Amino acid sequence: MFVKGKELWCHLDGFSMAPTDPHELSLWEGKDAKIASWLLSSVKPHMVNNLCGFTTVKAMWDYLQWIYYQDNSA
């Protein structure tokens, strides 16, 4: 909800792709880094090492979904 409230959810759901224009790319990377810092500060310390190798928050988010996804269908 926090990321949605900041209108940055598009970085996590893949809707916002990295632009090719250098100025726009710089702004996009700044937003991505901001979300990464929020994500890294909200996970357990042992998970930080697993996430630091990813270059985008979308990749981090996909990894976390893969690790913690639970299929409760019977």
Protein backbone atom coordinates (compact mmCIF):
# COMPACT_ATOMS: atom_id res chain seq x y z
CA MET A 1 0.00 0.00 0.00
CA PHE A 2 2.88 2.35 0.78
CA VAL A 3 4.35 2.05 -2.73
CA LYS A 4 0.91 2.45 -4.31
CA GLY A 5 0.37 5.55 -2.19
CA LYS A 6 3.59 7.00 -3.57
CA GLU A 7 2.33 6.22 -7.12
CA LEU A 8 5.31 3.96 -7.80
CA TRP A 9 3.61 0.55 -7.98
CA CYS A 10 4.27 0.51 -11.74
CA HIS A 11 7.93 -0.24 -10.97
CA LEU A 12 6.93 -3.44 -9.17
CA ASP A 13 4.26 -4.72 -11.52
CA GLY A 14 6.40 -4.24 -14.63
CA PHE A 15 4.22 -1.56 -16.18
CA SER A 16 7.01 1.02 -15.99
CA MET A 17 9.95 -0.10 -18.08
CA ALA A 18 13.32 1.64 -18.13
CA PRO A 19 13.21 4.43 -20.73
CA THR A 20 15.92 4.91 -23.35
CA ASP A 21 16.20 8.70 -23.05
CA PRO A 22 19.17 9.43 -20.72
CA HIS A 23 17.34 12.11 -18.71
CA GLU A 24 14.20 10.00 -18.32
CA LEU A 25 16.33 6.97 -17.46
CA SER A 26 18.04 8.92 -14.69
CA LEU A 27 14.66 9.88 -13.17
CA TRP A 28 13.38 6.31 -13.53
CA GLU A 29 16.50 4.87 -11.86
CA GLY A 30 16.11 7.31 -8.98
CA LYS A 31 12.55 6.13 -8.37
CA ASP A 32 13.63 2.50 -8.68
CA ALA A 33 16.43 3.06 -6.15
CA LYS A 34 14.01 4.72 -3.73
CA ILE A 35 11.72 1.70 -3.86
CA ALA A 36 14.71 -0.65 -3.49
CA SER A 37 15.77 1.14 -0.31
CA TRP A 38 12.25 0.81 1.09
CA LEU A 39 12.16 -2.87 0.17
CA LEU A 40 15.60 -3.62 1.59
CA SER A 41 14.79 -1.85 4.84
CA SER A 42 11.59 -3.84 5.27
CA VAL A 43 12.94 -7.38 4.86
CA LYS A 44 14.83 -9.48 7.36
CA PRO A 45 18.60 -8.87 7.35
CA HIS A 46 19.42 -12.33 5.97
CA MET A 47 17.29 -11.56 2.89
CA VAL A 48 19.18 -8.38 2.01
CA ASN A 49 22.12 -10.36 0.60
CA ASN A 50 19.74 -12.34 -1.62
CA LEU A 51 18.21 -9.15 -3.02
CA CYS A 52 21.31 -7.01 -3.54
CA GLY A 53 22.28 -8.82 -6.74
CA PHE A 54 19.16 -7.68 -8.60
CA THR A 55 19.38 -4.57 -10.77
CA THR A 56 15.71 -3.52 -10.59
CA VAL A 57 13.02 -3.58 -7.94
CA LYS A 58 10.84 -5.55 -10.36
CA ALA A 59 13.43 -8.34 -10.26
CA MET A 60 13.58 -8.12 -6.45
CA TRP A 61 9.80 -8.23 -6.24
CA ASP A 62 9.56 -11.21 -8.58
CA TYR A 63 12.14 -13.07 -6.49
CA LEU A 64 10.25 -12.35 -3.26
CA GLN A 65 7.00 -13.49 -4.85
CA TRP A 66 8.68 -16.70 -6.00
CA ILE A 67 10.11 -17.37 -2.52
CA TYR A 68 6.98 -16.56 -0.53
CA TYR A 69 4.17 -17.55 -2.90
CA GLN A 70 1.76 -20.04 -1.37
CA ASP A 71 -0.77 -21.85 -3.50
CA ASN A 72 -3.61 -22.62 -1.12
CA SER A 73 -5.87 -24.20 -3.69
CA ALA A 74 -6.99 -27.66 -2.67
